[in-house]
Amino acid sequence: MSINNSVVEAEAVELRSEKDDTKAEGRRQKPPRSRNTTTWRKALTRDWRLYTLLILPLVFLLIFRYVPMAGNIIAFRRFRPGGSMFGDEWVGFRYIELFINDPTFWRAFWNTAMLGGLTLLIVFPLPIILALMFNELRSRRFKRIAQSISYLPHFMSIVIVAGMVLQLTALRGSINQGIEFFGGEAIPFMQLPEWFRTIYVSSEIWQTVGWGTILYLAALTTIDPQLYEAARIDGASRWRQIWHVTLPGIRPTMVVLLILNIGTFMAVGFEKVLLLYNPLLFPTADVISTYLYRVGIISSNFSYATAIGLFEALIGLTLILSANAISRRTVGTSLW
């Protein structure tokens, strides 16, 4: 009889332990979503004053970035000034077919691709090189002066920059005076289409390269100095240290900025091109943004211009998604 009682008691103890284990396992296996929600609520309750600072930026993005996207519907509808904001008549892909068969659009498209490609290939690496040069300077005073001088063009208005470019490249401008001083003939730069790309890229270099070094200089400060000491102990020269320590240290920053630049590949500066070009330069200077300005604003063909703008936006989205995917698979660094 005592043996039976002990067996029953052992089974009861085993059942209680199994129930306790089941409860403990259930507590451990709570969905992470509830924990995340609790953590988020605690963070919002604790730091609500900081989160209120996001209200104005979010409202700005909503009003000026997301709400206007609804206007893309007029790319498929006929819009007449004074009529419905979303167009009066559904026309389907009529405007898309129009710009696909428009040779003027394709001229502007290839001009945009050329200027964007030249800017990406030439202008993008220069801030990296300049930041490495600043990093190698030993005189702090000279370094600060050089950095300040390189930053100044960024703070100039596009109108001032375009005016300076036009003055420098005029027939009696400083460049032609220098050419004539050495026995050459003056070149009408702003009348010859083949010179526009050189002038545009040169002005971009002068205006943006110095300011572009800021992010790379900030990234350089995060590199552990012990890595340089170890490289010197191994006998690495300055070039070897730059190649094996400095460049890998700033590679994530380089990749992120490259992806962002690829995403804006087709968004060639509208203001500068508009201020610099003239009808003589249209064969190489007319880009999508200036073509949209003439077609959409001046000619009031808003539906046609919207269709072209939507096409350009889709190209930019495709480029940035592709660049991000390639970077994530090859380098291991990406925006998301």
Protein backbone atom coordinates (compact mmCIF):
# COMPACT_ATOMS: atom_id res chain seq x y z
CA MET A 1 0.00 0.00 0.00
CA SER A 2 2.85 2.35 0.87
CA ILE A 3 4.48 1.54 -2.44
CA ASN A 4 1.33 2.54 -4.34
CA ASN A 5 1.11 5.80 -2.38
CA SER A 6 4.71 6.64 -3.16
CA VAL A 7 4.14 5.93 -6.86
CA VAL A 8 1.07 8.20 -6.90
CA GLU A 9 2.95 10.95 -5.11
CA ALA A 10 5.87 10.67 -7.59
CA GLU A 11 3.47 10.91 -10.55
CA ALA A 12 1.79 13.97 -8.99
CA VAL A 13 5.17 15.63 -8.45
CA GLU A 14 6.13 14.85 -12.05
CA LEU A 15 2.85 16.32 -13.37
CA ARG A 16 3.34 19.49 -11.30
CA SER A 17 6.91 19.88 -12.59
CA GLU A 18 5.70 19.41 -16.18
CA LYS A 19 3.04 22.09 -15.66
CA ASP A 20 5.62 24.45 -14.16
CA ASP A 21 7.94 23.82 -17.10
CA THR A 22 5.10 24.47 -19.54
CA LYS A 23 4.21 27.75 -17.82
CA ALA A 24 7.85 28.83 -17.74
CA GLU A 25 8.24 27.97 -21.41
CA GLY A 26 5.07 29.91 -22.23
CA ARG A 27 6.43 32.94 -20.40
CA ARG A 28 9.73 32.63 -22.26
CA GLN A 29 7.98 32.28 -25.61
CA LYS A 30 5.96 35.49 -25.41
CA PRO A 31 5.86 37.11 -28.79
CA PRO A 32 8.69 39.64 -29.19
CA ARG A 33 6.18 42.09 -30.59
CA SER A 34 4.64 42.64 -27.14
CA ARG A 35 8.08 43.26 -25.60
CA ASN A 36 8.93 45.68 -28.40
CA THR A 37 5.62 47.47 -27.88
CA THR A 38 6.29 47.75 -24.16
CA THR A 39 9.82 49.03 -24.76
CA TRP A 40 8.54 51.58 -27.27
CA ARG A 41 5.88 52.80 -24.85
CA LYS A 42 8.40 53.16 -22.06
CA ALA A 43 10.77 55.07 -24.34
CA LEU A 44 7.95 57.34 -25.53
CA THR A 45 6.81 57.98 -21.95
CA ARG A 46 10.34 58.69 -20.77
CA ASP A 47 11.57 60.82 -23.71
CA TRP A 48 8.32 62.33 -25.05
CA ARG A 49 9.87 65.80 -25.08
CA LEU A 50 12.53 64.67 -27.54
CA TYR A 51 9.97 62.92 -29.74
CA THR A 52 7.93 66.10 -30.02
CA LEU A 53 10.83 67.56 -32.00
CA LEU A 54 9.91 65.15 -34.80
CA ILE A 55 6.46 66.67 -35.28
CA LEU A 56 7.49 69.59 -37.51
CA PRO A 57 9.84 67.55 -39.77
CA LEU A 58 7.17 64.85 -40.19
CA VAL A 59 4.51 67.45 -41.01
CA PHE A 60 6.89 69.03 -43.52
CA LEU A 61 7.56 65.68 -45.20
CA LEU A 62 3.87 64.85 -45.25
CA ILE A 63 2.77 68.16 -46.79
CA PHE A 64 5.63 68.83 -49.20
CA ARG A 65 6.84 65.33 -50.07
CA TYR A 66 4.05 62.78 -49.78
CA VAL A 67 0.84 64.71 -50.46
CA PRO A 68 2.16 66.07 -53.80
CA MET A 69 2.65 62.47 -54.96
CA ALA A 70 -1.10 62.33 -55.55
CA GLY A 71 -0.56 64.82 -58.38
CA ASN A 72 1.22 62.16 -60.41
CA ILE A 73 -2.22 60.96 -61.48
CA ILE A 74 -2.34 63.74 -64.09
CA ALA A 75 0.36 61.85 -66.01
CA PHE A 76 -2.52 59.58 -67.04
CA ARG A 77 -5.26 62.22 -67.22
CA ARG A 78 -5.67 65.36 -69.34
CA PHE A 79 -5.19 68.36 -67.08
CA ARG A 80 -6.51 71.76 -68.08
CA PRO A 81 -5.72 74.90 -66.06
CA GLY A 82 -8.83 75.89 -64.17
CA GLY A 83 -10.28 72.38 -64.25
CA SER A 84 -10.10 69.53 -61.78
CA MET A 85 -6.85 69.25 -59.82
CA PHE A 86 -6.63 65.56 -60.81
CA GLY A 87 -7.45 66.03 -64.48
CA ASP A 88 -10.65 66.06 -66.48
CA GLU A 89 -10.29 63.01 -68.73
CA TRP A 90 -8.52 59.66 -68.50
CA VAL A 91 -6.01 59.26 -71.36
CA GLY A 92 -4.00 56.27 -70.15
CA PHE A 93 -0.43 56.10 -71.47
CA ARG A 94 -0.90 58.76 -74.14
CA TYR A 95 1.61 61.21 -72.64
CA ILE A 96 4.12 58.44 -72.00
CA GLU A 97 3.93 57.45 -75.66
CA LEU A 98 4.38 61.09 -76.65
CA PHE A 99 7.66 61.62 -74.81
CA ILE A 100 8.97 58.17 -75.81
CA ASN A 101 8.54 59.21 -79.46
CA ASP A 102 9.90 62.73 -78.86
CA PRO A 103 13.52 63.15 -80.09
CA THR A 104 13.91 66.34 -78.04
CA PHE A 105 13.21 64.39 -74.85
CA TRP A 106 15.80 61.75 -75.69
CA ARG A 107 18.38 64.45 -76.40
CA ALA A 108 17.69 65.90 -72.95
CA PHE A 109 17.77 62.40 -71.45
CA TRP A 110 21.21 61.57 -72.85
CA ASN A 111 22.54 65.00 -71.89
CA THR A 112 21.35 64.36 -68.34
CA ALA A 113 22.97 60.93 -68.31
CA MET A 114 26.25 62.36 -69.62
CA LEU A 115 26.40 65.21 -67.10
CA GLY A 116 25.33 62.91 -64.26
CA GLY A 117 27.89 60.28 -65.23
CA LEU A 118 30.73 62.80 -65.52
CA THR A 119 29.79 64.36 -62.19
CA LEU A 120 29.70 60.95 -60.51
CA LEU A 121 33.00 59.72 -61.99
CA ILE A 122 34.98 62.94 -61.57
CA VAL A 123 33.44 64.89 -58.69
CA PHE A 124 32.61 62.03 -56.32
CA PRO A 125 36.19 60.74 -55.70
CA LEU A 126 37.72 64.22 -55.28
CA PRO A 127 36.36 64.92 -51.74
CA ILE A 128 37.86 61.60 -50.63
CA ILE A 129 41.26 62.55 -52.03
CA LEU A 130 41.09 66.05 -50.54
CA ALA A 131 40.04 64.67 -47.14
CA LEU A 132 43.01 62.29 -47.17
CA MET A 133 45.30 65.21 -48.01
CA PHE A 134 43.86 67.28 -45.15
CA ASN A 135 44.31 64.31 -42.82
CA GLU A 136 48.01 64.10 -43.66
CA LEU A 137 48.69 67.77 -42.83
CA ARG A 138 50.68 68.22 -39.63
CA SER A 139 50.23 71.98 -39.21
CA ARG A 140 46.81 72.50 -37.61
CA ARG A 141 46.75 76.19 -38.46
CA PHE A 142 47.44 75.60 -42.15
CA LYS A 143 44.89 72.77 -42.13
CA ARG A 144 42.15 75.02 -40.73
CA ILE A 145 42.93 77.78 -43.24
CA ALA A 146 42.93 75.33 -46.17
CA GLN A 147 39.64 73.79 -45.05
CA SER A 148 37.97 77.19 -44.65
CA ILE A 149 39.06 78.25 -48.13
CA SER A 150 37.74 75.00 -49.63
CA TYR A 151 34.37 75.42 -47.86
CA LEU A 152 33.70 78.98 -49.06
CA PRO A 153 32.33 78.22 -52.58
CA HIS A 154 29.60 76.04 -51.08
CA PHE A 155 28.04 79.05 -49.33
CA MET A 156 27.82 81.11 -52.50
CA SER A 157 24.48 81.41 -54.26
CA ILE A 158 24.04 79.52 -57.52
CA VAL A 159 23.33 82.87 -59.17
CA ILE A 160 26.71 84.22 -58.03
CA VAL A 161 28.51 81.06 -59.15
CA ALA A 162 26.83 81.16 -62.57
CA GLY A 163 27.65 84.85 -62.93
CA MET A 164 31.31 84.20 -62.13
CA VAL A 165 31.43 81.33 -64.64
CA LEU A 166 29.90 83.52 -67.35
CA GLN A 167 32.37 86.31 -66.63
CA LEU A 168 35.37 83.99 -66.64
CA THR A 169 34.37 82.31 -69.91
CA ALA A 170 33.31 85.47 -71.77
CA LEU A 171 35.18 86.53 -74.92
CA ARG A 172 37.01 89.19 -72.90
CA GLY A 173 37.00 87.16 -69.71
CA SER A 174 39.97 86.11 -67.63
CA ILE A 175 40.36 82.71 -69.32
CA ASN A 176 40.46 84.17 -72.84
CA GLN A 177 42.80 86.92 -71.70
CA GLY A 178 45.18 84.24 -70.47
CA ILE A 179 44.86 82.35 -73.77
CA GLU A 180 45.60 85.52 -75.76
CA PHE A 181 48.54 86.33 -73.48
CA PHE A 182 50.18 83.05 -74.51
CA GLY A 183 49.51 83.72 -78.19
CA GLY A 184 46.24 81.84 -78.66
CA GLU A 185 42.87 82.96 -79.99
CA ALA A 186 39.87 83.73 -77.84
CA ILE A 187 37.33 80.90 -77.59
CA PRO A 188 33.59 81.65 -77.36
CA PHE A 189 33.03 79.04 -74.66
CA MET A 190 29.35 79.81 -74.06
CA GLN A 191 28.54 79.59 -77.75
CA LEU A 192 30.12 76.19 -78.43
CA PRO A 193 28.09 73.17 -77.22
CA GLU A 194 31.18 70.97 -76.90
CA TRP A 195 32.55 73.15 -74.07
CA PHE A 196 29.47 73.15 -71.83
CA ARG A 197 30.11 69.81 -70.09
CA THR A 198 33.67 70.78 -69.24
CA ILE A 199 32.52 74.11 -67.82
CA TYR A 200 29.68 72.56 -65.83
CA VAL A 201 31.81 69.80 -64.27
CA SER A 202 34.62 72.27 -63.49
CA SER A 203 32.21 74.58 -61.67
CA GLU A 204 30.82 71.58 -59.73
CA ILE A 205 34.32 70.63 -58.64
CA TRP A 206 35.07 74.16 -57.44
CA GLN A 207 31.76 74.52 -55.61
CA THR A 208 31.20 71.12 -53.97
CA VAL A 209 34.49 69.29 -53.41
CA GLY A 210 35.58 71.25 -50.33
CA TRP A 211 32.24 70.90 -48.59
CA GLY A 212 32.12 67.20 -49.43
CA THR A 213 35.21 66.53 -47.31
CA ILE A 214 33.36 67.19 -44.04
CA LEU A 215 31.77 63.75 -43.78
CA TYR A 216 34.99 61.97 -44.72
CA LEU A 217 37.02 63.97 -42.18
CA ALA A 218 34.46 63.04 -39.52
CA ALA A 219 34.75 59.38 -40.55
CA LEU A 220 38.55 59.57 -40.33
CA THR A 221 38.34 60.57 -36.66
CA THR A 222 36.63 57.25 -35.84
CA ILE A 223 39.60 55.13 -36.99
CA ASP A 224 41.51 53.60 -34.07
CA PRO A 225 45.04 55.13 -33.86
CA GLN A 226 46.36 51.75 -32.70
CA LEU A 227 45.78 50.42 -36.21
CA TYR A 228 48.25 52.98 -37.56
CA GLU A 229 50.75 52.09 -34.83
CA ALA A 230 50.46 48.40 -35.68
CA ALA A 231 50.92 49.20 -39.37
CA ARG A 232 54.05 51.26 -38.64
CA ILE A 233 55.46 48.46 -36.51
CA ASP A 234 54.93 46.09 -39.45
CA GLY A 235 56.92 48.49 -41.63
CA ALA A 236 54.00 49.94 -43.64
CA SER A 237 54.71 53.21 -45.44
CA ARG A 238 52.26 56.14 -45.46
CA TRP A 239 50.77 54.91 -48.72
CA ARG A 240 50.31 51.42 -47.29
CA GLN A 241 48.66 52.85 -44.17
CA ILE A 242 46.25 54.85 -46.29
CA TRP A 243 45.43 51.85 -48.47
CA HIS A 244 45.09 49.22 -45.72
CA VAL A 245 43.89 51.29 -42.75
CA THR A 246 42.41 54.64 -43.78
CA LEU A 247 40.38 53.64 -46.83
CA PRO A 248 38.83 50.53 -45.19
CA GLY A 249 38.00 52.69 -42.16
CA ILE A 250 35.96 55.17 -44.19
CA ARG A 251 34.55 52.62 -46.64
CA PRO A 252 31.04 52.53 -45.06
CA THR A 253 30.77 56.32 -45.44
CA MET A 254 32.02 56.11 -49.02
CA VAL A 255 29.50 53.41 -49.92
CA VAL A 256 26.54 55.23 -48.36
CA LEU A 257 27.38 58.49 -50.14
CA LEU A 258 27.94 56.62 -53.41
CA ILE A 259 24.50 55.03 -53.16
CA LEU A 260 22.92 58.43 -52.48
CA ASN A 261 24.77 59.96 -55.42
CA ILE A 262 23.66 57.15 -57.71
CA GLY A 263 20.08 57.72 -56.58
CA THR A 264 20.30 61.37 -57.67
CA PHE A 265 22.15 60.44 -60.84
CA MET A 266 19.47 61.91 -63.10
CA ALA A 267 18.81 64.98 -60.94
CA VAL A 268 21.41 67.22 -62.58
CA GLY A 269 21.42 70.72 -61.06
CA PHE A 270 18.49 72.58 -62.59
CA GLU A 271 19.36 76.07 -61.37
CA LYS A 272 22.94 76.10 -62.60
CA VAL A 273 22.09 74.68 -66.02
CA LEU A 274 19.19 77.12 -66.41
CA LEU A 275 21.44 80.07 -65.56
CA LEU A 276 24.32 78.96 -67.79
CA TYR A 277 22.75 77.61 -70.94
CA ASN A 278 21.29 79.36 -73.99
CA PRO A 279 19.70 78.09 -77.23
CA LEU A 280 23.15 77.69 -78.82
CA LEU A 281 24.08 75.18 -76.11
CA PHE A 282 20.90 73.08 -76.23
CA PRO A 283 22.56 70.12 -78.03
CA THR A 284 24.66 69.36 -74.92
CA ALA A 285 23.22 71.57 -72.15
CA ASP A 286 19.49 70.85 -72.28
CA VAL A 287 18.71 68.34 -69.51
CA ILE A 288 15.46 66.76 -68.33
CA SER A 289 14.83 69.36 -65.63
CA THR A 290 15.20 72.32 -68.00
CA TYR A 291 13.15 70.52 -70.64
CA LEU A 292 10.40 69.97 -68.05
CA TYR A 293 10.56 73.65 -67.14
CA ARG A 294 10.03 74.73 -70.73
CA VAL A 295 7.32 72.16 -71.44
CA GLY A 296 5.47 72.23 -68.12
CA ILE A 297 5.80 75.79 -66.81
CA ILE A 298 6.33 77.91 -69.91
CA SER A 299 4.11 75.90 -72.29
CA SER A 300 1.60 74.92 -69.54
CA ASN A 301 1.60 71.27 -70.66
CA PHE A 302 1.43 69.94 -67.12
CA SER A 303 0.29 66.37 -67.85
CA TYR A 304 3.09 65.81 -70.34
CA ALA A 305 5.67 67.23 -67.93
CA THR A 306 4.31 65.08 -65.09
CA ALA A 307 4.66 61.94 -67.20
CA ILE A 308 8.32 62.77 -67.89
CA GLY A 309 8.95 63.58 -64.22
CA LEU A 310 7.39 60.28 -63.16
CA PHE A 311 9.62 58.44 -65.62
CA GLU A 312 12.70 60.21 -64.23
CA ALA A 313 11.66 59.37 -60.65
CA LEU A 314 11.25 55.69 -61.51
CA ILE A 315 14.74 55.65 -63.01
CA GLY A 316 16.17 57.19 -59.83
CA LEU A 317 14.31 54.69 -57.64
CA THR A 318 15.58 51.78 -59.74
CA LEU A 319 19.16 53.06 -59.57
CA ILE A 320 19.21 53.53 -55.81
CA LEU A 321 17.59 50.13 -55.14
CA SER A 322 20.03 48.39 -57.48
CA ALA A 323 23.05 50.19 -56.02
CA ASN A 324 21.94 49.34 -52.48
CA ALA A 325 21.42 45.65 -53.33
CA ILE A 326 24.77 45.37 -55.13
CA SER A 327 26.58 47.10 -52.25
CA ARG A 328 24.94 44.85 -49.64
CA ARG A 329 25.98 41.69 -51.50
CA THR A 330 29.48 42.71 -52.51
CA VAL A 331 30.72 45.02 -49.74
CA GLY A 332 28.33 44.24 -46.89
CA THR A 333 27.39 47.91 -46.38
CA SER A 334 24.08 49.41 -47.43
CA LEU A 335 21.51 52.04 -46.56
CA TRP A 336 18.95 49.44 -45.43
